[in-house]
Amino acid sequence: MQMNSILDLPPELIHVCLSYLPLSDIHTLEHFVGNTLLRSLIAGSVAIAYRRALDSACVEESPAFAHPTSSPPPVSDRLRLLHRTNERFAAFDPTHRASLTVPFPTTSIYDLAGDVFVLGDGSGEMIDGRCTGVRVLRTRAAAAAAAPQNEGPAEGVDEDVWRRINAGKPIIDFGLAVEEHDLIVMVTYVSVDQTRRQIDVSFFHFSTGAPHSQARQHVLPVQETDTAHGPPSVSIEIVGENLAMSLFYGNARTADKDSLHVFNWRTGIRKKSDFFPLSSPGLIFLTPRHLLFPDVRVQCFVVVEYPDSDSEDTEPELSLLEFPDIKGGQEVLHVQCRVSPTAAASPTPPAPSAPSSRFVPRAEDAIILLSFTMGRFDQQGLLEAADDHIFVVSKRPLYDKLFRGPMARERLSWDEWAAPAMCYLDGEDLHFRYITVTHGQRLVYIDHAATEVRAPVRILDFNAGRFEDALRRGAVDGPHAVVQPMEGGKVRGILRQVRTFRRSLVSTLPYVETTSKELFDWGAAIINDECILGVQFGVIAHALSLEVLHFGEL
């Protein structure tokens, strides 16, 4: 039988062909090609509806969930899971909750990456008052252990609750690349003699705690410093082959030690990083090759494109993104930045430490959190006051502007790179633990004084599709939360803006705000793929207990 068109195929085969098309092509076929059969097949396809839902939510199936050996549920069930998880976050309606006492003394270092919560372990060997290992909690496993159907711990949870990874040396910070590389990097601070300390990085498999098999050198020396300077503030990110780390002492006497270090962590070879004197500790990877960090001296974020080369002599491409214009008498004291998740260099099969979450945010659509601490000075140059100013910037427009084509050596004003998709948040009202308050397109926070006067948890959701849905419904006073769409095109925090910036900054990025009716006494609220964690701290930011609110399905 001769066929002149794909439409002559049986409907089941046409559907298979449609399933492989980009969503943009499916949209064209549905709306601009007048064929009833195509429209009917598209409208009735659960597989296409699921792909569209993933795209609208700006998430992907986690590698472990989608892997054939994991026996993923039918597409219709996965579509329902995705919708229900988003609905529960919006309504502040967790499926499970677990309260955990931290059964060991902790130190002030911690991080949350995907499903993994890591705390400095003060119960093991301490050297010079610093921990020599960390302990790991799987948040989803913790929620499963507390699920009503489980009279005891869930199967497979015991070995994962507070599992220790040992460095054997005093740790001042650590970095994680669990999903991409099964990697934890320990930043150690070791005594050379009474007057000197050596800062190194050591590479371990996250799943086993053994030295990482892909690192040519298990330990890389980074910097020698004077004991009198004390340990620096550390920011560390790992994406693909690149490890970037800033060491910031924050003292005029040690300005020459404030430094950025970039390595190929597999080979141990340094990459060029001495572009400007480091003046603030934050850094993020926009892509696996593009590193962003603030430079207070030039009032810009510096974006560095690293070529696929291990030579320290290779000159990277630079771009400058200007800070907002500030008034005279004001000064940017320091800047923090945050994006989660960072972009993996390439799709990878599930590692032994692959996430147990069902859905993970798409890195290129994540929001970027920028925090500026501004100081006001009197005529004698003395600091009168300091204010925090928080900006949320959508990564996608910046990604498109900078990386669609060869990256140019250019300087972009705030109006060009940030203003088109930016939201200003009043730092006076927000209590942020900067490293863990955003994930994907959600931001979570709780009031400063919640440990003294219980306060609601607030979730700000910057997903465009969910905002449009909320705008159609209007404000909702639900059983667990008040949900309200917050439109763009408005000036927020006008009184604080007037004191600081030369002109008002319009918040162009809309969001949905969920305010819980339940009140909490947490010291910090932090977020990952499926959970919100409330942390209660003791003295010196030592964690005492956790409350895990799980919004997915176990």
Protein backbone atom coordinates (compact mmCIF):
# COMPACT_ATOMS: atom_id res chain seq x y z
CA MET A 1 0.00 0.00 0.00
CA GLN A 2 1.42 3.39 -0.98
CA MET A 3 1.43 6.17 1.62
CA ASN A 4 1.79 9.80 0.56
CA SER A 5 1.82 11.35 4.02
CA ILE A 6 2.58 10.57 7.65
CA LEU A 7 -1.15 11.01 8.19
CA ASP A 8 -1.69 7.78 6.24
CA LEU A 9 -0.05 5.84 9.07
CA PRO A 10 -2.16 4.19 11.78
CA PRO A 11 -2.97 6.65 14.62
CA GLU A 12 -0.78 4.73 17.08
CA LEU A 13 2.29 5.24 14.88
CA ILE A 14 1.46 8.91 14.30
CA HIS A 15 1.30 9.32 18.08
CA VAL A 16 4.74 7.74 18.45
CA CYS A 17 6.12 10.17 15.85
CA LEU A 18 4.52 13.13 17.64
CA SER A 19 6.04 12.04 20.95
CA TYR A 20 9.55 12.68 19.62
CA LEU A 21 8.87 16.21 18.35
CA PRO A 22 9.96 19.34 20.23
CA LEU A 23 7.08 20.92 22.15
CA SER A 24 7.29 24.02 19.95
CA ASP A 25 6.61 21.87 16.87
CA ILE A 26 3.71 20.14 18.61
CA HIS A 27 2.24 23.55 19.43
CA THR A 28 2.51 24.55 15.76
CA LEU A 29 0.79 21.37 14.60
CA GLU A 30 -1.97 21.82 17.16
CA HIS A 31 -2.76 25.47 16.50
CA PHE A 32 -1.67 26.25 12.95
CA VAL A 33 -2.19 23.04 11.00
CA GLY A 34 -5.86 22.44 10.32
CA ASN A 35 -5.91 18.68 10.73
CA THR A 36 -8.53 17.21 13.03
CA LEU A 37 -6.69 13.90 13.51
CA LEU A 38 -3.48 15.60 14.65
CA ARG A 39 -5.34 17.87 17.03
CA SER A 40 -7.25 14.93 18.47
CA LEU A 41 -4.12 12.84 18.95
CA ILE A 42 -2.28 15.72 20.63
CA ALA A 43 -5.20 16.63 22.87
CA GLY A 44 -5.66 13.03 23.96
CA SER A 45 -2.01 12.19 24.54
CA VAL A 46 -1.07 11.73 28.20
CA ALA A 47 2.61 11.53 27.19
CA ILE A 48 2.47 14.96 25.51
CA ALA A 49 0.49 16.41 28.44
CA TYR A 50 3.21 15.13 30.78
CA ARG A 51 6.00 16.66 28.70
CA ARG A 52 4.13 19.97 28.67
CA ALA A 53 3.60 19.83 32.42
CA LEU A 54 7.31 19.20 33.02
CA ASP A 55 8.19 22.10 30.73
CA SER A 56 5.69 24.47 32.35
CA ALA A 57 6.92 23.54 35.83
CA CYS A 58 10.55 23.97 34.66
CA VAL A 59 11.51 20.58 36.10
CA GLU A 60 12.88 17.28 34.85
CA GLU A 61 12.47 13.75 36.04
CA SER A 62 15.36 12.87 38.31
CA PRO A 63 17.73 10.32 36.71
CA ALA A 64 16.99 7.73 39.39
CA PHE A 65 13.21 8.10 39.03
CA ALA A 66 13.25 7.90 35.23
CA HIS A 67 15.81 5.08 34.96
CA PRO A 68 14.33 1.88 33.45
CA THR A 69 15.73 -0.28 36.27
CA SER A 70 13.72 1.72 38.82
CA SER A 71 10.39 0.58 37.27
CA PRO A 72 8.93 4.09 36.95
CA PRO A 73 5.14 4.33 37.31
CA PRO A 74 2.90 4.91 34.28
CA VAL A 75 3.03 8.34 32.66
CA SER A 76 -0.48 9.16 33.90
CA ASP A 77 0.64 8.54 37.50
CA ARG A 78 3.77 10.65 37.03
CA LEU A 79 1.64 13.50 35.67
CA ARG A 80 -0.59 13.29 38.73
CA LEU A 81 2.44 13.23 41.06
CA LEU A 82 3.84 16.36 39.44
CA HIS A 83 0.58 18.29 39.71
CA ARG A 84 -0.03 17.21 43.30
CA THR A 85 3.46 18.18 44.47
CA ASN A 86 3.08 21.68 43.03
CA GLU A 87 -0.41 22.02 44.49
CA ARG A 88 0.78 20.99 47.95
CA PHE A 89 3.64 23.48 47.93
CA ALA A 90 1.22 26.24 46.88
CA ALA A 91 -1.32 25.32 49.57
CA PHE A 92 1.31 24.61 52.26
CA ASP A 93 -0.17 21.13 52.66
CA PRO A 94 2.68 18.66 53.34
CA THR A 95 1.99 14.95 52.93
CA HIS A 96 4.35 13.94 55.75
CA ARG A 97 6.32 15.67 58.47
CA ALA A 98 9.10 14.50 60.73
CA SER A 99 10.62 16.12 63.82
CA LEU A 100 14.21 15.12 64.46
CA THR A 101 16.52 15.93 67.33
CA VAL A 102 20.08 16.23 66.06
CA PRO A 103 21.70 13.51 68.19
CA PHE A 104 25.23 14.91 68.11
CA PRO A 105 26.92 18.28 68.66
CA THR A 106 27.24 20.19 65.41
CA THR A 107 29.46 22.91 64.06
CA SER A 108 28.33 25.96 62.10
CA ILE A 109 28.96 24.49 58.62
CA TYR A 110 26.03 22.94 56.76
CA ASP A 111 24.47 22.66 53.32
CA LEU A 112 21.39 21.29 51.58
CA ALA A 113 21.80 19.90 48.06
CA GLY A 114 18.98 18.01 46.41
CA ASP A 115 17.77 15.40 48.89
CA VAL A 116 20.90 15.63 51.05
CA PHE A 117 21.32 17.69 54.24
CA VAL A 118 24.88 17.82 55.58
CA LEU A 119 26.03 19.08 59.00
CA GLY A 120 29.47 19.53 60.51
CA ASP A 121 29.94 16.76 63.10
CA GLY A 122 31.22 17.94 66.46
CA SER A 123 30.94 14.49 68.06
CA GLY A 124 34.03 13.00 66.47
CA GLU A 125 37.65 14.02 66.69
CA MET A 126 38.09 17.80 66.95
CA ILE A 127 41.35 19.50 65.99
CA ASP A 128 41.93 23.12 66.98
CA GLY A 129 38.23 23.32 67.85
CA ARG A 130 37.12 22.29 64.34
CA CYS A 131 35.32 19.17 63.19
CA THR A 132 37.08 16.54 61.10
CA GLY A 133 33.97 15.06 59.50
CA VAL A 134 30.37 15.71 58.50
CA ARG A 135 27.11 13.81 58.92
CA VAL A 136 24.52 13.28 56.21
CA LEU A 137 20.71 13.09 56.32
CA ARG A 138 18.43 12.04 53.46
CA THR A 139 15.40 14.31 53.87
CA ARG A 140 12.99 12.08 51.95
CA ALA A 141 14.07 9.05 53.97
CA ALA A 142 13.51 11.03 57.17
CA ALA A 143 9.96 11.84 56.05
CA ALA A 144 9.38 8.20 55.08
CA ALA A 145 10.52 7.01 58.50
CA ALA A 146 7.88 9.23 60.10
CA ALA A 147 5.07 8.21 57.72
CA PRO A 148 1.98 6.87 59.54
CA GLN A 149 2.17 3.44 57.87
CA ASN A 150 5.65 2.88 59.33
CA GLU A 151 5.70 1.71 62.92
CA GLY A 152 9.49 1.78 62.81
CA PRO A 153 12.13 3.28 60.54
CA ALA A 154 11.43 2.81 56.83
CA GLU A 155 13.41 0.15 55.02
CA GLY A 156 16.86 1.36 54.05
CA VAL A 157 16.76 4.43 56.29
CA ASP A 158 18.96 3.36 59.22
CA GLU A 159 22.29 3.52 57.42
CA ASP A 160 21.43 6.86 55.78
CA VAL A 161 20.36 8.75 58.90
CA TRP A 162 23.33 10.87 60.01
CA ARG A 163 25.92 8.79 58.16
CA ARG A 164 29.42 10.17 58.81
CA ILE A 165 31.99 11.12 56.16
CA ASN A 166 35.43 11.59 57.66
CA ALA A 167 38.12 13.97 56.39
CA GLY A 168 40.63 13.30 59.18
CA LYS A 169 41.64 16.98 59.21
CA PRO A 170 40.02 20.16 60.57
CA ILE A 171 37.30 21.33 58.16
CA ILE A 172 36.30 24.96 57.56
CA ASP A 173 33.78 24.25 54.78
CA PHE A 174 32.76 21.76 52.12
CA GLY A 175 31.21 21.65 48.65
CA LEU A 176 28.83 19.14 47.08
CA ALA A 177 28.32 17.71 43.60
CA VAL A 178 26.34 14.68 44.67
CA GLU A 179 24.07 14.08 41.69
CA GLU A 180 26.66 14.80 39.00
CA HIS A 181 29.81 13.26 40.44
CA ASP A 182 29.00 11.49 43.73
CA LEU A 183 31.44 14.06 45.14
CA ILE A 184 32.00 15.92 48.39
CA VAL A 185 34.96 18.31 48.62
CA MET A 186 36.34 19.08 52.08
CA VAL A 187 38.15 22.39 52.63
CA THR A 188 40.68 21.76 55.39
CA TYR A 189 42.72 24.13 57.57
CA VAL A 190 45.82 22.40 58.89
CA SER A 191 48.54 23.69 61.21
CA VAL A 192 51.99 23.87 59.60
CA ASP A 193 53.61 25.37 62.69
CA GLN A 194 52.62 27.88 65.39
CA THR A 195 52.38 30.78 62.94
CA ARG A 196 51.16 29.20 59.68
CA ARG A 197 48.12 27.28 58.41
CA GLN A 198 47.69 25.35 55.14
CA ILE A 199 44.35 25.42 53.28
CA ASP A 200 43.74 22.35 51.08
CA VAL A 201 40.83 20.68 49.31
CA SER A 202 40.27 16.91 49.52
CA PHE A 203 37.99 14.86 47.25
CA PHE A 204 35.75 12.03 48.50
CA HIS A 205 33.02 9.83 47.10
CA PHE A 206 29.85 11.03 48.79
CA SER A 207 28.32 7.54 48.79
CA THR A 208 31.22 5.76 50.50
CA GLY A 209 33.49 8.40 52.03
CA ALA A 210 36.46 6.92 50.15
CA PRO A 211 38.92 9.09 48.19
CA HIS A 212 37.30 9.98 44.88
CA SER A 213 38.41 7.68 42.07
CA GLN A 214 38.28 10.40 39.38
CA ALA A 215 40.54 12.85 41.22
CA ARG A 216 44.16 12.45 40.11
CA GLN A 217 45.25 14.06 43.39
CA HIS A 218 43.22 13.28 46.50
CA VAL A 219 44.47 16.50 48.16
CA LEU A 220 45.16 19.80 46.38
CA PRO A 221 47.06 22.58 48.17
CA VAL A 222 45.33 25.96 47.82
CA GLN A 223 46.90 28.57 50.09
CA GLU A 224 49.24 29.03 53.04
CA THR A 225 48.18 31.73 55.49
CA ASP A 226 49.19 33.20 58.85
CA THR A 227 47.55 31.74 61.93
CA ALA A 228 46.86 35.29 63.17
CA HIS A 229 44.54 35.94 60.23
CA GLY A 230 42.14 33.20 61.27
CA PRO A 231 40.24 31.01 58.79
CA PRO A 232 38.64 32.70 55.78
CA SER A 233 35.00 32.69 54.72
CA VAL A 234 34.72 30.09 51.95
CA SER A 235 32.41 29.84 48.94
CA ILE A 236 32.81 26.71 46.84
CA GLU A 237 30.99 25.40 43.75
CA ILE A 238 31.66 22.35 41.56
CA VAL A 239 30.19 21.87 38.07
CA GLY A 240 31.56 19.54 35.43
CA GLU A 241 35.35 19.56 35.60
CA ASN A 242 35.47 22.99 37.24
CA LEU A 243 35.87 23.67 40.94
CA ALA A 244 35.73 27.35 41.95
CA MET A 245 36.48 28.53 45.46
CA SER A 246 36.81 31.96 47.03
CA LEU A 247 38.73 32.62 50.24
CA PHE A 248 37.69 35.88 51.89
CA TYR A 249 39.18 37.14 55.14
CA GLY A 250 37.31 40.46 55.16
CA ASN A 251 40.14 42.39 56.78
CA ALA A 252 42.20 45.19 55.25
CA ARG A 253 45.36 43.63 56.68
CA THR A 254 44.73 40.42 54.73
CA ALA A 255 43.36 41.84 51.46
CA ASP A 256 46.23 40.25 49.55
CA LYS A 257 45.04 36.85 50.76
CA ASP A 258 41.43 37.34 49.57
CA SER A 259 41.52 35.21 46.45
CA LEU A 260 39.64 33.19 43.85
CA HIS A 261 40.88 29.71 42.93
CA VAL A 262 39.66 27.66 39.96
CA PHE A 263 40.78 24.07 39.29
CA ASN A 264 40.03 21.16 37.05
CA TRP A 265 39.28 18.97 40.05
CA ARG A 266 39.93 15.76 38.14
CA THR A 267 43.44 16.69 36.96
CA GLY A 268 44.32 19.11 39.76
CA ILE A 269 45.47 21.76 37.26
CA ARG A 270 44.77 25.40 38.12
CA LYS A 271 42.93 27.70 35.73
CA LYS A 272 43.48 31.43 35.43
CA SER A 273 41.57 33.29 38.15
CA ASP A 274 43.56 36.41 39.15
CA PHE A 275 41.39 38.89 37.22
CA PHE A 276 40.59 41.33 40.05
CA PRO A 277 41.42 41.45 43.74
CA LEU A 278 38.60 39.52 45.43
CA SER A 279 36.33 41.85 47.38
CA SER A 280 33.34 39.69 48.33
CA PRO A 281 32.91 35.98 49.01
CA GLY A 282 29.97 34.86 46.84
CA LEU A 283 30.18 32.98 43.53
CA ILE A 284 27.92 30.85 41.32
CA PHE A 285 28.16 28.92 38.06
CA LEU A 286 25.66 30.19 35.48
CA THR A 287 26.60 27.29 33.17
CA PRO A 288 29.28 24.60 33.52
CA ARG A 289 31.75 27.01 31.86
CA HIS A 290 30.55 30.42 33.09
CA LEU A 291 31.43 31.58 36.60
CA LEU A 292 29.87 34.69 38.15
CA PHE A 293 31.28 36.51 41.18
CA PRO A 294 30.87 40.05 42.58
CA ASP A 295 33.59 42.69 42.48
CA VAL A 296 32.72 45.51 44.84
CA ARG A 297 35.62 47.67 43.66
CA VAL A 298 34.30 47.95 40.09
CA GLN A 299 30.62 47.76 41.18
CA CYS A 300 29.96 44.81 38.88
CA PHE A 301 29.45 41.09 38.73
CA VAL A 302 32.23 39.50 36.72
CA VAL A 303 31.25 36.63 34.41
CA VAL A 304 34.17 34.46 33.31
CA GLU A 305 33.91 31.92 30.50
CA TYR A 306 36.43 29.13 30.95
CA PRO A 307 37.49 27.36 27.73
CA ASP A 308 37.94 23.59 27.60
CA SER A 309 41.59 23.85 28.49
CA ASP A 310 43.66 23.13 31.59
CA SER A 311 46.28 25.77 30.85
CA GLU A 312 46.59 28.52 33.46
CA ASP A 313 47.87 30.75 30.65
CA THR A 314 44.67 30.48 28.60
CA GLU A 315 42.89 33.83 28.70
CA PRO A 316 39.17 33.41 29.54
CA GLU A 317 36.44 35.65 28.16
CA LEU A 318 35.05 38.27 30.56
CA SER A 319 31.78 40.16 30.79
CA LEU A 320 30.77 42.75 33.40
CA LEU A 321 27.24 43.08 34.79
CA GLU A 322 26.78 46.36 36.64
CA PHE A 323 25.32 46.74 40.14
CA PRO A 324 22.29 49.04 40.54
CA ASP A 325 23.22 52.73 40.89
CA ILE A 326 23.59 53.74 44.53
CA LYS A 327 23.54 57.18 46.12
CA GLY A 328 26.54 59.09 47.35
CA GLY A 329 27.40 58.34 50.97
CA GLN A 330 26.47 54.69 50.40
CA GLU A 331 28.90 51.86 49.85
CA VAL A 332 28.49 48.21 48.92
CA LEU A 333 30.11 46.37 51.82
CA HIS A 334 29.71 42.86 50.46
CA VAL A 335 27.56 40.77 48.14
CA GLN A 336 26.26 37.21 48.37
CA CYS A 337 24.79 35.20 45.49
CA ARG A 338 22.96 31.90 45.27
CA VAL A 339 21.48 29.65 42.60
CA SER A 340 20.23 26.10 43.04
CA PRO A 341 20.59 23.76 41.32
CA THR A 342 23.71 24.47 39.32
CA ALA A 343 23.92 23.11 35.79
CA ALA A 344 25.46 19.68 35.29
CA ALA A 345 28.04 19.54 32.51
CA SER A 346 26.27 16.65 30.81
CA PRO A 347 23.50 14.18 31.56
CA THR A 348 24.83 11.43 33.80
CA PRO A 349 23.47 8.02 34.77
CA PRO A 350 22.26 7.67 38.34
CA ALA A 351 25.22 7.59 40.71
CA PRO A 352 25.20 5.68 44.01
CA SER A 353 24.15 9.00 45.55
CA ALA A 354 21.53 9.93 42.95
CA PRO A 355 18.60 11.91 44.34
CA SER A 356 15.53 10.07 45.56
CA SER A 357 13.31 13.02 44.61
CA ARG A 358 10.88 12.41 41.75
CA PHE A 359 11.39 15.76 40.01
CA VAL A 360 14.36 18.14 39.99
CA PRO A 361 14.35 21.80 38.86
CA ARG A 362 15.82 22.69 35.48
CA ALA A 363 19.04 24.56 36.20
CA GLU A 364 18.70 27.10 33.36
CA ASP A 365 15.34 28.28 34.74
CA ALA A 366 16.38 28.64 38.39
CA ILE A 367 16.17 32.00 40.12
CA ILE A 368 19.34 33.80 41.20
CA LEU A 369 19.35 35.35 44.68
CA LEU A 370 21.53 38.44 45.11
CA SER A 371 22.04 40.03 48.53
CA PHE A 372 23.73 43.42 48.83
CA THR A 373 24.84 44.69 52.24
CA MET A 374 25.01 48.49 51.93
CA GLY A 375 26.67 50.84 54.40
CA ARG A 376 25.89 54.51 55.04
CA PHE A 377 28.79 56.68 56.14
CA ASP A 378 28.91 60.06 57.85
CA GLN A 379 31.09 63.00 56.83
CA GLN A 380 33.98 61.61 58.85
CA GLY A 381 33.74 58.33 56.96
CA LEU A 382 32.37 56.38 59.91
CA LEU A 383 29.75 53.68 59.32
CA GLU A 384 26.33 54.86 60.51
CA ALA A 385 24.16 51.93 59.46
CA ALA A 386 24.10 48.84 57.27
CA ASP A 387 21.11 47.49 55.33
CA ASP A 388 20.49 44.29 53.39
CA HIS A 389 18.83 44.55 49.98
CA ILE A 390 17.66 41.35 48.31
CA PHE A 391 17.08 40.85 44.59
CA VAL A 392 15.68 37.83 42.79
CA VAL A 393 16.74 37.69 39.13
CA SER A 394 15.40 35.18 36.61
CA LYS A 395 18.26 33.17 35.17
CA ARG A 396 16.63 32.35 31.82
CA PRO A 397 16.65 35.91 30.32
CA LEU A 398 20.23 36.42 31.51
CA TYR A 399 21.17 33.03 30.09
CA ASP A 400 19.65 33.95 26.73
CA LYS A 401 21.30 37.38 26.67
CA LEU A 402 24.80 36.17 27.49
CA PHE A 403 25.06 32.72 25.98
CA ARG A 404 23.09 32.66 22.74
CA GLY A 405 26.15 32.85 20.51
CA PRO A 406 29.79 33.72 21.28
CA MET A 407 30.22 35.59 24.53
CA ALA A 408 31.38 39.14 23.94
CA ARG A 409 33.70 41.24 26.08
CA GLU A 410 31.14 43.78 27.16
CA ARG A 411 29.70 45.68 30.08
CA LEU A 412 25.94 45.50 30.63
CA SER A 413 24.07 47.98 32.78
CA TRP A 414 21.66 46.85 35.51
CA ASP A 415 18.77 47.96 33.29
CA GLU A 416 20.02 45.71 30.49
CA TRP A 417 20.73 42.48 32.36
CA ALA A 418 18.67 42.49 35.59
CA ALA A 419 15.77 44.95 35.41
CA PRO A 420 13.72 43.08 32.74
CA ALA A 421 13.20 40.09 35.08
CA MET A 422 13.93 41.22 38.63
CA CYS A 423 12.12 41.36 41.97
CA TYR A 424 13.27 43.52 44.88
CA LEU A 425 12.69 42.12 48.38
CA ASP A 426 13.06 44.16 51.55
CA GLY A 427 15.97 42.66 53.48
CA GLU A 428 14.66 44.11 56.75
CA ASP A 429 11.73 41.68 56.71
CA LEU A 430 13.59 38.58 55.62
CA HIS A 431 15.67 36.10 57.57
CA PHE A 432 17.93 34.32 55.13
CA ARG A 433 20.49 31.60 55.57
CA TYR A 434 21.86 32.54 52.17
CA ILE A 435 23.08 29.17 51.00
CA THR A 436 19.82 27.27 51.20
CA VAL A 437 16.74 29.52 50.89
CA THR A 438 16.15 29.05 47.15
CA HIS A 439 15.76 26.00 44.99
CA GLY A 440 14.59 26.03 41.41
CA GLN A 441 12.03 28.84 41.19
CA ARG A 442 10.97 28.81 44.84
CA LEU A 443 12.25 30.88 47.75
CA VAL A 444 11.34 30.21 51.39
CA TYR A 445 11.82 32.35 54.47
CA ILE A 446 10.68 32.99 58.02
CA ASP A 447 10.75 36.15 60.14
CA HIS A 448 13.91 37.18 62.00
CA ALA A 449 12.26 36.89 65.41
CA ALA A 450 10.50 33.54 64.89
CA THR A 451 12.56 31.90 67.65
CA GLU A 452 11.02 34.36 70.12
CA VAL A 453 7.57 34.94 68.57
CA ARG A 454 6.30 32.17 66.32
CA ALA A 455 5.85 33.25 62.70
CA PRO A 456 4.45 31.90 59.43
CA VAL A 457 6.60 30.35 56.74
CA ARG A 458 6.40 32.13 53.39
CA ILE A 459 7.05 30.57 50.00
CA LEU A 460 7.61 32.83 46.99
CA ASP A 461 7.11 30.94 43.72
CA PHE A 462 8.49 32.68 40.61
CA ASN A 463 7.25 30.11 38.08
CA ALA A 464 5.41 31.94 35.28
CA GLY A 465 2.82 29.22 34.65
CA ARG A 466 1.88 28.88 38.30
CA PHE A 467 1.65 32.66 38.60
CA GLU A 468 -0.80 32.82 35.65
CA ASP A 469 -2.91 30.09 37.26
CA ALA A 470 -2.94 31.96 40.58
CA LEU A 471 -3.79 35.24 38.84
CA ARG A 472 -6.85 33.63 37.25
CA ARG A 473 -8.01 32.30 40.63
CA GLY A 474 -7.20 35.43 42.61
CA ALA A 475 -6.26 35.41 46.29
CA VAL A 476 -7.23 32.20 48.11
CA ASP A 477 -7.74 31.87 51.86
CA GLY A 478 -7.23 28.12 52.19
CA PRO A 479 -7.28 25.79 55.19
CA HIS A 480 -3.49 25.80 55.57
CA ALA A 481 -2.33 29.03 53.92
CA VAL A 482 -3.22 32.28 52.24
CA VAL A 483 -2.14 32.22 48.58
CA GLN A 484 -1.84 35.49 46.67
CA PRO A 485 -0.47 36.38 43.22
CA MET A 486 1.94 39.33 43.36
CA GLU A 487 2.08 41.14 40.03
CA GLY A 488 5.16 42.76 38.53
CA GLY A 489 5.49 46.38 37.49
CA LYS A 490 5.55 47.68 41.07
CA VAL A 491 8.09 49.39 43.30
CA ARG A 492 8.54 47.35 46.48
CA GLY A 493 10.28 48.53 49.66
CA ILE A 494 10.13 52.15 48.49
CA LEU A 495 11.30 53.70 51.79
CA ARG A 496 14.48 51.63 51.93
CA GLN A 497 15.06 52.07 48.20
CA VAL A 498 14.89 55.87 48.48
CA ARG A 499 17.66 55.86 51.09
CA THR A 500 19.95 53.68 49.00
CA PHE A 501 19.43 53.87 45.24
CA ARG A 502 19.57 56.82 42.86
CA ARG A 503 16.17 55.88 41.46
CA SER A 504 13.39 53.46 42.30
CA LEU A 505 13.84 49.92 41.05
CA VAL A 506 10.66 48.42 39.60
CA SER A 507 10.00 44.76 40.38
CA THR A 508 9.17 43.28 36.99
CA LEU A 509 9.20 39.62 38.06
CA PRO A 510 5.81 38.38 39.36
CA TYR A 511 5.42 35.59 41.88
CA VAL A 512 2.91 33.68 44.00
CA GLU A 513 3.20 34.17 47.76
CA THR A 514 2.04 31.38 50.08
CA THR A 515 1.81 32.34 53.78
CA SER A 516 1.27 29.43 56.15
CA LYS A 517 -1.41 29.67 58.81
CA GLU A 518 0.61 27.45 61.10
CA LEU A 519 3.25 29.35 63.06
CA PHE A 520 6.78 28.07 63.63
CA ASP A 521 9.69 28.88 65.95
CA TRP A 522 12.45 27.97 63.50
CA GLY A 523 15.76 29.75 63.32
CA ALA A 524 15.89 29.14 59.56
CA ALA A 525 13.68 27.75 56.80
CA ILE A 526 15.44 26.00 53.92
CA ILE A 527 14.17 24.20 50.82
CA ASN A 528 15.02 21.39 48.40
CA ASP A 529 13.22 19.39 45.69
CA GLU A 530 10.30 18.13 47.77
CA CYS A 531 10.84 19.39 51.32
CA ILE A 532 10.99 22.46 53.51
CA LEU A 533 13.29 22.05 56.50
CA GLY A 534 12.95 24.09 59.66
CA VAL A 535 16.16 24.30 61.69
CA GLN A 536 16.41 25.27 65.34
CA PHE A 537 19.82 26.51 66.44
CA GLY A 538 21.60 26.74 69.75
CA VAL A 539 24.61 28.89 70.49
CA ILE A 540 27.02 29.81 67.68
CA ALA A 541 24.60 28.57 65.00
CA HIS A 542 24.82 24.94 66.13
CA ALA A 543 21.79 22.95 64.90
CA LEU A 544 19.71 21.35 67.67
CA SER A 545 16.68 19.97 65.82
CA LEU A 546 15.01 19.73 62.42
CA GLU A 547 11.44 19.63 61.22
CA VAL A 548 11.02 18.09 57.76
CA LEU A 549 7.87 18.98 55.81
CA HIS A 550 7.56 16.74 52.75
CA PHE A 551 5.31 17.88 49.89
CA GLY A 552 5.84 15.01 47.44
CA GLU A 553 4.66 11.41 47.61
CA LEU A 554 6.74 8.67 49.20
